[in-house]
């Protein structure tokens, strides 16, 4: 029996990524600590911090991974360019090949959690725009890579397998 799991990642772009070393506080690749009160990713999660195109908004995204066909959870934490936490109204959509994935457009959102189901592996963009009190040109594009991998079948005496990114 083969189990289809999702191996996913944020694509490599110049963004701020949180990391921590044992017994050390977390820091961004830029060398600064993450914005106060923001949570770090846990097991089965990936995290990235991205500035908007105008630099007016920073969003930390924590992606809780799931198998293809299952809900993937995206949790957001927004801040202004002064590192003050904000809770804006925003619109969000999932793009593939610069086209909106049908059913993914959500306008005037206030929730800090969104769920999307990927029906296939591929390169996607999570686009946040229409951010409250910001120019229309101020958008956040978060590149995503979703890949399906086959996990080896269970062997006798080893019937439980878990996937950790």
N, C-alpha and C. Protein backbone atom coordinates (compact mmCIF):
# COMPACT_ATOMS: atom_id res chain seq x y z
N UNK A 1 0.85 -1.17 0.00
CA UNK A 1 0.00 0.00 0.00
C UNK A 1 0.89 1.23 0.00
N UNK A 2 0.60 2.18 -0.87
CA UNK A 2 1.37 3.41 -0.93
C UNK A 2 0.55 4.53 -0.33
N UNK A 3 1.19 5.41 0.40
CA UNK A 3 0.54 6.55 1.01
C UNK A 3 1.05 7.80 0.33
N UNK A 4 0.14 8.62 -0.17
CA UNK A 4 0.52 9.85 -0.84
C UNK A 4 0.56 10.97 0.18
N UNK A 5 1.69 11.61 0.33
CA UNK A 5 1.84 12.72 1.28
C UNK A 5 2.33 13.94 0.53
N UNK A 6 2.19 15.07 1.16
CA UNK A 6 2.61 16.32 0.55
C UNK A 6 3.93 16.75 1.16
N UNK A 7 4.88 17.02 0.31
CA UNK A 7 6.11 17.68 0.73
C UNK A 7 5.99 19.07 0.15
N UNK A 8 6.01 20.06 0.96
CA UNK A 8 5.76 21.41 0.49
C UNK A 8 6.82 22.35 1.01
N UNK A 9 6.97 23.44 0.29
CA UNK A 9 7.92 24.43 0.76
C UNK A 9 7.58 25.78 0.19
N UNK A 10 8.05 26.79 0.88
CA UNK A 10 8.00 28.13 0.34
C UNK A 10 9.17 28.20 -0.63
N UNK A 11 8.96 28.78 -1.80
CA UNK A 11 10.02 28.88 -2.79
C UNK A 11 11.08 29.88 -2.33
N UNK A 12 12.28 29.74 -2.84
CA UNK A 12 13.37 30.62 -2.46
C UNK A 12 13.21 31.98 -3.11
N UNK A 13 12.92 32.96 -2.30
CA UNK A 13 12.88 34.35 -2.72
C UNK A 13 13.49 35.16 -1.59
N UNK A 14 13.89 36.41 -1.85
CA UNK A 14 14.49 37.19 -0.77
C UNK A 14 13.44 37.61 0.26
N UNK A 15 13.25 36.79 1.26
CA UNK A 15 12.30 37.05 2.33
C UNK A 15 12.99 36.78 3.66
N UNK A 16 12.30 37.12 4.71
CA UNK A 16 12.83 36.90 6.05
C UNK A 16 12.34 35.55 6.55
N UNK A 17 13.23 34.68 6.95
CA UNK A 17 12.87 33.35 7.44
C UNK A 17 13.33 33.22 8.89
N UNK A 18 12.43 32.74 9.74
CA UNK A 18 12.75 32.59 11.15
C UNK A 18 13.51 31.29 11.37
N UNK A 19 14.54 31.35 12.20
CA UNK A 19 15.23 30.13 12.57
C UNK A 19 15.74 30.27 13.99
N UNK A 20 15.97 29.16 14.63
CA UNK A 20 16.48 29.17 16.00
C UNK A 20 17.49 28.05 16.15
N UNK A 21 18.48 28.30 16.98
CA UNK A 21 19.44 27.27 17.31
C UNK A 21 19.17 26.86 18.75
N UNK A 22 19.59 25.65 19.08
CA UNK A 22 19.34 25.15 20.43
C UNK A 22 19.86 26.14 21.46
N UNK A 23 19.04 26.42 22.48
CA UNK A 23 19.36 27.33 23.58
C UNK A 23 19.64 28.75 23.12
N UNK A 24 19.14 29.14 21.94
CA UNK A 24 19.32 30.50 21.44
C UNK A 24 17.96 31.07 21.06
N UNK A 25 17.76 32.39 21.18
CA UNK A 25 16.50 32.96 20.73
C UNK A 25 16.40 32.91 19.22
N UNK A 26 15.18 32.90 18.67
CA UNK A 26 15.02 32.87 17.22
C UNK A 26 15.41 34.20 16.60
N UNK A 27 15.95 34.16 15.40
CA UNK A 27 16.30 35.37 14.67
C UNK A 27 15.90 35.20 13.22
N UNK A 28 15.69 36.32 12.55
CA UNK A 28 15.40 36.31 11.13
C UNK A 28 16.74 36.21 10.40
N UNK A 29 16.70 35.82 9.12
CA UNK A 29 17.92 35.77 8.33
C UNK A 29 18.61 37.13 8.30
N UNK A 30 17.84 38.20 8.44
CA UNK A 30 18.41 39.54 8.44
C UNK A 30 19.20 39.82 9.70
N UNK A 31 19.07 38.95 10.71
CA UNK A 31 19.79 39.14 11.96
C UNK A 31 18.94 39.77 13.05
N UNK A 32 17.71 40.19 12.74
CA UNK A 32 16.86 40.79 13.76
C UNK A 32 15.90 39.73 14.30
N UNK A 33 15.47 39.87 15.54
CA UNK A 33 14.51 38.90 16.08
C UNK A 33 13.16 39.08 15.41
N UNK A 34 12.31 38.03 15.44
CA UNK A 34 10.96 38.19 14.88
C UNK A 34 10.17 39.21 15.70
N UNK A 35 9.12 39.73 15.13
CA UNK A 35 8.29 40.72 15.81
C UNK A 35 7.72 40.13 17.07
N UNK A 36 7.77 40.89 18.14
CA UNK A 36 7.37 40.43 19.46
C UNK A 36 6.01 39.75 19.49
N UNK A 37 5.94 38.61 20.16
CA UNK A 37 4.69 37.89 20.33
C UNK A 37 4.36 36.95 19.19
N UNK A 38 5.11 36.98 18.10
CA UNK A 38 4.83 36.10 16.98
C UNK A 38 5.34 34.72 17.30
N UNK A 39 4.56 33.73 16.90
CA UNK A 39 4.90 32.35 17.22
C UNK A 39 5.80 31.73 16.15
N UNK A 40 6.60 30.77 16.57
CA UNK A 40 7.46 30.04 15.66
C UNK A 40 6.75 28.76 15.21
N UNK A 41 7.13 28.20 14.06
CA UNK A 41 6.46 27.00 13.58
C UNK A 41 6.75 25.79 14.45
N UNK A 42 5.79 24.89 14.50
CA UNK A 42 5.94 23.64 15.23
C UNK A 42 6.12 22.49 14.25
N UNK A 43 6.08 21.27 14.75
CA UNK A 43 6.21 20.10 13.88
C UNK A 43 5.13 20.08 12.79
N UNK A 44 5.51 19.75 11.57
CA UNK A 44 4.56 19.70 10.46
C UNK A 44 4.17 21.06 9.92
N UNK A 45 4.94 22.09 10.31
CA UNK A 45 4.64 23.44 9.85
C UNK A 45 5.87 24.07 9.21
N UNK A 46 5.62 25.02 8.34
CA UNK A 46 6.68 25.84 7.76
C UNK A 46 6.28 27.28 7.99
N UNK A 47 7.27 28.16 8.14
CA UNK A 47 6.98 29.55 8.42
C UNK A 47 7.86 30.45 7.55
N UNK A 48 7.30 31.59 7.18
CA UNK A 48 8.03 32.57 6.38
C UNK A 48 7.49 33.96 6.73
N UNK A 49 8.34 34.94 6.64
CA UNK A 49 7.95 36.33 6.86
C UNK A 49 8.20 37.10 5.57
N UNK A 50 7.18 37.80 5.08
CA UNK A 50 7.26 38.49 3.79
C UNK A 50 6.77 39.92 3.94
N UNK A 51 7.49 40.86 3.32
CA UNK A 51 7.06 42.26 3.29
C UNK A 51 6.22 42.49 2.04
N UNK A 52 5.28 43.41 2.14
CA UNK A 52 4.44 43.75 0.99
C UNK A 52 5.28 44.49 -0.05
N UNK A 53 4.72 44.61 -1.25
CA UNK A 53 5.45 45.23 -2.36
C UNK A 53 5.84 46.68 -2.07
N UNK A 54 5.05 47.39 -1.28
CA UNK A 54 5.36 48.76 -0.90
C UNK A 54 6.17 48.83 0.40
N UNK A 55 6.32 47.70 1.07
CA UNK A 55 7.06 47.65 2.32
C UNK A 55 6.28 48.16 3.52
N UNK A 56 4.98 48.40 3.34
CA UNK A 56 4.16 48.96 4.41
C UNK A 56 3.63 47.91 5.38
N UNK A 57 3.58 46.65 4.94
CA UNK A 57 3.01 45.58 5.76
C UNK A 57 3.96 44.39 5.74
N UNK A 58 4.11 43.76 6.88
CA UNK A 58 4.88 42.52 7.00
C UNK A 58 3.90 41.46 7.45
N UNK A 59 3.99 40.28 6.84
CA UNK A 59 3.14 39.17 7.27
C UNK A 59 4.03 37.97 7.55
N UNK A 60 3.79 37.35 8.70
CA UNK A 60 4.42 36.07 9.02
C UNK A 60 3.36 35.02 8.74
N UNK A 61 3.71 34.04 7.93
CA UNK A 61 2.79 32.99 7.54
C UNK A 61 3.30 31.67 8.10
N UNK A 62 2.44 30.97 8.82
CA UNK A 62 2.75 29.62 9.27
C UNK A 62 1.83 28.68 8.51
N UNK A 63 2.44 27.76 7.77
CA UNK A 63 1.72 26.83 6.91
C UNK A 63 1.72 25.47 7.58
N UNK A 64 0.53 24.98 7.95
CA UNK A 64 0.38 23.64 8.50
C UNK A 64 0.08 22.71 7.33
N UNK A 65 1.02 21.83 7.04
CA UNK A 65 0.97 20.98 5.86
C UNK A 65 -0.04 19.85 6.01
N UNK A 66 -0.60 19.44 4.86
CA UNK A 66 -1.52 18.31 4.82
C UNK A 66 -1.33 17.58 3.49
N UNK A 67 -1.88 16.39 3.40
CA UNK A 67 -1.81 15.62 2.18
C UNK A 67 -2.59 16.32 1.06
N UNK A 68 -2.24 16.02 -0.19
CA UNK A 68 -3.01 16.54 -1.32
C UNK A 68 -4.44 16.07 -1.15
N UNK A 69 -5.37 17.01 -1.35
CA UNK A 69 -6.78 16.71 -1.18
C UNK A 69 -7.30 16.98 0.21
N UNK A 70 -6.41 17.36 1.13
CA UNK A 70 -6.79 17.66 2.50
C UNK A 70 -6.51 19.15 2.78
N UNK A 71 -7.22 19.76 3.74
CA UNK A 71 -7.01 21.18 4.02
C UNK A 71 -5.62 21.49 4.57
N UNK A 72 -4.96 22.47 3.95
CA UNK A 72 -3.70 23.04 4.44
C UNK A 72 -4.08 24.34 5.14
N UNK A 73 -3.57 24.53 6.33
CA UNK A 73 -3.92 25.73 7.11
C UNK A 73 -2.81 26.76 7.02
N UNK A 74 -3.19 28.00 6.73
CA UNK A 74 -2.27 29.12 6.70
C UNK A 74 -2.69 30.10 7.79
N UNK A 75 -1.79 30.33 8.75
CA UNK A 75 -2.03 31.28 9.83
C UNK A 75 -1.20 32.53 9.58
N UNK A 76 -1.80 33.69 9.77
CA UNK A 76 -1.15 34.96 9.46
C UNK A 76 -0.98 35.82 10.70
N UNK A 77 0.12 36.54 10.73
CA UNK A 77 0.36 37.57 11.73
C UNK A 77 0.86 38.78 10.95
N UNK A 78 0.13 39.89 11.04
CA UNK A 78 0.44 41.09 10.28
C UNK A 78 1.07 42.15 11.19
N UNK A 79 1.95 42.96 10.60
CA UNK A 79 2.53 44.10 11.31
C UNK A 79 2.75 45.23 10.30
N UNK A 80 2.78 46.46 10.80
CA UNK A 80 3.14 47.57 9.93
C UNK A 80 4.66 47.66 9.86
N UNK A 81 5.18 48.60 9.09
CA UNK A 81 6.63 48.67 8.93
C UNK A 81 7.35 49.17 10.18
N UNK A 82 6.60 49.52 11.21
CA UNK A 82 7.18 49.88 12.50
C UNK A 82 7.14 48.72 13.48
N UNK A 83 6.85 47.51 12.98
CA UNK A 83 6.77 46.28 13.78
C UNK A 83 5.62 46.27 14.79
N UNK A 84 4.58 47.08 14.53
CA UNK A 84 3.39 47.08 15.37
C UNK A 84 2.39 46.09 14.80
N UNK A 85 1.90 45.16 15.62
CA UNK A 85 0.94 44.17 15.16
C UNK A 85 -0.35 44.87 14.73
N UNK A 86 -0.87 44.47 13.56
CA UNK A 86 -2.12 45.02 13.04
C UNK A 86 -3.05 43.87 12.66
N UNK A 87 -4.34 44.16 12.54
CA UNK A 87 -5.33 43.16 12.12
C UNK A 87 -6.16 43.76 10.99
N UNK A 88 -5.59 43.83 9.79
CA UNK A 88 -6.30 44.48 8.69
C UNK A 88 -7.35 43.58 8.03
N UNK A 89 -8.27 44.22 7.33
CA UNK A 89 -9.14 43.52 6.41
C UNK A 89 -8.32 43.35 5.13
N UNK A 90 -8.45 42.19 4.48
CA UNK A 90 -7.64 41.92 3.29
C UNK A 90 -8.39 40.97 2.38
N UNK A 91 -7.94 40.89 1.13
CA UNK A 91 -8.44 39.88 0.19
C UNK A 91 -7.30 38.91 -0.07
N UNK A 92 -7.65 37.67 -0.39
CA UNK A 92 -6.63 36.64 -0.59
C UNK A 92 -7.09 35.69 -1.70
N UNK A 93 -6.11 35.19 -2.45
CA UNK A 93 -6.41 34.21 -3.48
C UNK A 93 -5.20 33.32 -3.69
N UNK A 94 -5.45 32.16 -4.23
CA UNK A 94 -4.41 31.21 -4.57
C UNK A 94 -4.27 31.22 -6.08
N UNK A 95 -3.05 31.42 -6.57
CA UNK A 95 -2.79 31.47 -8.01
C UNK A 95 -1.94 30.29 -8.42
N UNK A 96 -2.16 29.83 -9.65
CA UNK A 96 -1.27 28.85 -10.26
C UNK A 96 -1.12 29.29 -11.72
N UNK A 97 0.14 29.54 -12.12
CA UNK A 97 0.39 30.03 -13.46
C UNK A 97 -0.27 31.38 -13.71
N UNK A 98 -0.26 32.26 -12.73
CA UNK A 98 -0.85 33.60 -12.80
C UNK A 98 -2.36 33.59 -13.01
N UNK A 99 -3.01 32.46 -12.76
CA UNK A 99 -4.47 32.37 -12.84
C UNK A 99 -5.01 31.99 -11.48
N UNK A 100 -6.11 32.62 -11.10
CA UNK A 100 -6.74 32.30 -9.83
C UNK A 100 -7.26 30.86 -9.84
N UNK A 101 -6.89 30.10 -8.82
CA UNK A 101 -7.41 28.75 -8.66
C UNK A 101 -8.91 28.89 -8.36
N UNK A 102 -9.77 28.23 -9.15
CA UNK A 102 -11.21 28.37 -8.93
C UNK A 102 -11.60 28.11 -7.48
N UNK A 103 -12.43 28.99 -6.95
CA UNK A 103 -12.93 28.85 -5.59
C UNK A 103 -11.99 29.35 -4.51
N UNK A 104 -10.83 29.92 -4.90
CA UNK A 104 -9.86 30.33 -3.87
C UNK A 104 -9.95 31.81 -3.49
N UNK A 105 -10.64 32.62 -4.28
CA UNK A 105 -10.73 34.05 -4.00
C UNK A 105 -11.63 34.31 -2.80
N UNK A 106 -11.08 35.04 -1.84
CA UNK A 106 -11.83 35.42 -0.63
C UNK A 106 -11.59 36.90 -0.40
N UNK A 107 -12.65 37.67 -0.43
CA UNK A 107 -12.52 39.11 -0.30
C UNK A 107 -12.94 39.58 1.09
N UNK A 108 -12.38 40.73 1.49
CA UNK A 108 -12.70 41.39 2.76
C UNK A 108 -12.64 40.44 3.95
N UNK A 109 -11.52 39.77 4.07
CA UNK A 109 -11.30 38.81 5.16
C UNK A 109 -10.77 39.52 6.40
N UNK A 110 -11.14 39.01 7.55
CA UNK A 110 -10.59 39.49 8.82
C UNK A 110 -9.96 38.34 9.61
N UNK A 111 -10.22 37.11 9.18
CA UNK A 111 -9.68 35.95 9.87
C UNK A 111 -8.17 35.87 9.67
N UNK A 112 -7.46 35.48 10.71
CA UNK A 112 -6.02 35.30 10.63
C UNK A 112 -5.65 33.86 10.28
N UNK A 113 -6.65 33.07 9.89
CA UNK A 113 -6.42 31.69 9.47
C UNK A 113 -7.24 31.44 8.20
N UNK A 114 -6.58 30.87 7.20
CA UNK A 114 -7.25 30.48 5.96
C UNK A 114 -6.86 29.04 5.65
N UNK A 115 -7.77 28.29 5.05
CA UNK A 115 -7.48 26.92 4.64
C UNK A 115 -7.67 26.78 3.14
N UNK A 116 -6.73 26.08 2.52
CA UNK A 116 -6.81 25.78 1.09
C UNK A 116 -6.51 24.30 0.89
N UNK A 117 -7.19 23.70 -0.08
CA UNK A 117 -6.95 22.31 -0.45
C UNK A 117 -6.26 22.30 -1.80
N UNK A 118 -5.10 21.66 -1.86
CA UNK A 118 -4.37 21.52 -3.12
C UNK A 118 -4.81 20.21 -3.77
N UNK A 119 -5.27 20.30 -5.02
CA UNK A 119 -5.72 19.09 -5.71
C UNK A 119 -4.59 18.44 -6.50
N UNK A 120 -3.49 19.17 -6.65
CA UNK A 120 -2.35 18.64 -7.41
C UNK A 120 -1.07 19.32 -6.95
N UNK A 121 0.04 18.65 -7.20
CA UNK A 121 1.33 19.26 -6.90
C UNK A 121 1.58 20.38 -7.90
N UNK A 122 2.49 21.28 -7.57
CA UNK A 122 2.81 22.36 -8.48
C UNK A 122 3.31 23.59 -7.75
N UNK A 123 3.53 24.63 -8.52
CA UNK A 123 3.97 25.92 -8.00
C UNK A 123 2.74 26.80 -7.89
N UNK A 124 2.53 27.38 -6.73
CA UNK A 124 1.38 28.24 -6.44
C UNK A 124 1.89 29.56 -5.87
N UNK A 125 1.02 30.56 -5.90
CA UNK A 125 1.29 31.83 -5.22
C UNK A 125 0.08 32.15 -4.36
N UNK A 126 0.31 32.42 -3.09
CA UNK A 126 -0.73 32.89 -2.19
C UNK A 126 -0.62 34.41 -2.23
N UNK A 127 -1.64 35.08 -2.76
CA UNK A 127 -1.59 36.55 -2.93
C UNK A 127 -2.55 37.20 -1.95
N UNK A 128 -2.00 38.14 -1.17
CA UNK A 128 -2.79 38.94 -0.23
C UNK A 128 -2.78 40.36 -0.79
N UNK A 129 -3.95 40.95 -0.93
CA UNK A 129 -4.04 42.30 -1.50
C UNK A 129 -5.28 43.00 -0.93
N UNK A 130 -5.50 44.23 -1.36
CA UNK A 130 -6.63 44.99 -0.84
C UNK A 130 -6.53 45.15 0.66
N UNK A 131 -5.30 45.35 1.13
CA UNK A 131 -5.05 45.44 2.57
C UNK A 131 -5.56 46.78 3.09
N UNK A 132 -6.35 46.72 4.12
CA UNK A 132 -7.00 47.89 4.71
C UNK A 132 -6.01 49.03 4.96
N UNK A 133 -6.40 50.23 4.54
CA UNK A 133 -5.63 51.47 4.75
C UNK A 133 -4.28 51.45 4.03
N UNK A 134 -4.15 50.65 3.00
CA UNK A 134 -2.91 50.59 2.22
C UNK A 134 -3.25 50.84 0.76
N UNK A 135 -2.29 51.34 -0.03
CA UNK A 135 -2.57 51.56 -1.46
C UNK A 135 -2.90 50.24 -2.16
N UNK A 136 -3.70 50.32 -3.20
CA UNK A 136 -4.10 49.12 -3.96
C UNK A 136 -2.89 48.39 -4.52
N UNK A 137 -1.81 49.12 -4.77
CA UNK A 137 -0.60 48.50 -5.33
C UNK A 137 0.21 47.72 -4.29
N UNK A 138 -0.16 47.82 -3.02
CA UNK A 138 0.57 47.15 -1.95
C UNK A 138 0.05 45.72 -1.81
N UNK A 139 0.77 44.75 -2.38
CA UNK A 139 0.36 43.35 -2.37
C UNK A 139 1.45 42.49 -1.74
N UNK A 140 1.06 41.32 -1.30
CA UNK A 140 1.99 40.35 -0.74
C UNK A 140 1.85 39.07 -1.55
N UNK A 141 2.92 38.64 -2.18
CA UNK A 141 2.94 37.40 -2.95
C UNK A 141 3.82 36.39 -2.23
N UNK A 142 3.23 35.27 -1.89
CA UNK A 142 3.95 34.23 -1.16
C UNK A 142 4.03 32.99 -2.06
N UNK A 143 5.22 32.70 -2.59
CA UNK A 143 5.35 31.55 -3.48
C UNK A 143 5.37 30.24 -2.69
N UNK A 144 4.64 29.25 -3.20
CA UNK A 144 4.51 27.95 -2.55
C UNK A 144 4.88 26.86 -3.54
N UNK A 145 5.50 25.82 -3.06
CA UNK A 145 5.74 24.64 -3.88
C UNK A 145 5.11 23.45 -3.18
N UNK A 146 4.19 22.81 -3.86
CA UNK A 146 3.50 21.64 -3.33
C UNK A 146 3.91 20.45 -4.18
N UNK A 147 4.45 19.41 -3.55
CA UNK A 147 4.86 18.22 -4.27
C UNK A 147 4.29 16.98 -3.59
N UNK A 148 3.89 16.03 -4.39
CA UNK A 148 3.41 14.75 -3.85
C UNK A 148 4.57 13.78 -3.86
N UNK A 149 4.74 13.06 -2.78
CA UNK A 149 5.79 12.06 -2.68
C UNK A 149 5.16 10.76 -2.23
N UNK A 150 5.65 9.68 -2.75
CA UNK A 150 5.18 8.38 -2.29
C UNK A 150 6.06 7.94 -1.14
N UNK A 151 5.41 7.51 -0.09
CA UNK A 151 6.13 7.02 1.08
C UNK A 151 6.22 5.50 0.97
N UNK A 152 7.34 4.90 1.35
CA UNK A 152 7.45 3.43 1.24
C UNK A 152 6.36 2.75 2.05
N UNK A 153 5.94 1.57 1.62
CA UNK A 153 4.91 0.84 2.37
C UNK A 153 5.44 0.44 3.74
N UNK A 154 4.50 0.23 4.65
CA UNK A 154 4.87 -0.22 6.00
C UNK A 154 5.48 -1.61 5.92
N UNK A 155 6.43 -1.85 6.79
CA UNK A 155 7.02 -3.18 6.88
C UNK A 155 6.50 -3.86 8.13
N UNK A 156 6.50 -5.20 8.16
CA UNK A 156 6.00 -5.89 9.35
C UNK A 156 6.72 -5.39 10.60
N UNK A 157 5.94 -5.16 11.65
CA UNK A 157 6.50 -4.67 12.91
C UNK A 157 6.66 -3.16 12.92
N UNK A 158 6.36 -2.51 11.82
CA UNK A 158 6.48 -1.06 11.73
C UNK A 158 5.25 -0.55 10.98
N UNK A 159 4.11 -0.55 11.64
CA UNK A 159 2.87 -0.23 10.98
C UNK A 159 2.50 1.24 11.07
N UNK A 160 3.20 2.01 11.88
CA UNK A 160 2.89 3.42 12.02
C UNK A 160 4.03 4.24 11.43
N UNK A 161 3.66 5.12 10.51
CA UNK A 161 4.64 6.03 9.91
C UNK A 161 4.09 7.43 9.98
N UNK A 162 4.95 8.38 10.24
CA UNK A 162 4.52 9.76 10.23
C UNK A 162 5.40 10.55 9.30
N UNK A 163 4.86 11.61 8.80
CA UNK A 163 5.61 12.47 7.87
C UNK A 163 5.96 13.77 8.59
N UNK A 164 7.23 14.11 8.59
CA UNK A 164 7.71 15.37 9.17
C UNK A 164 8.49 16.10 8.09
N UNK A 165 8.13 17.35 7.77
CA UNK A 165 8.88 18.07 6.72
C UNK A 165 10.31 18.33 7.13
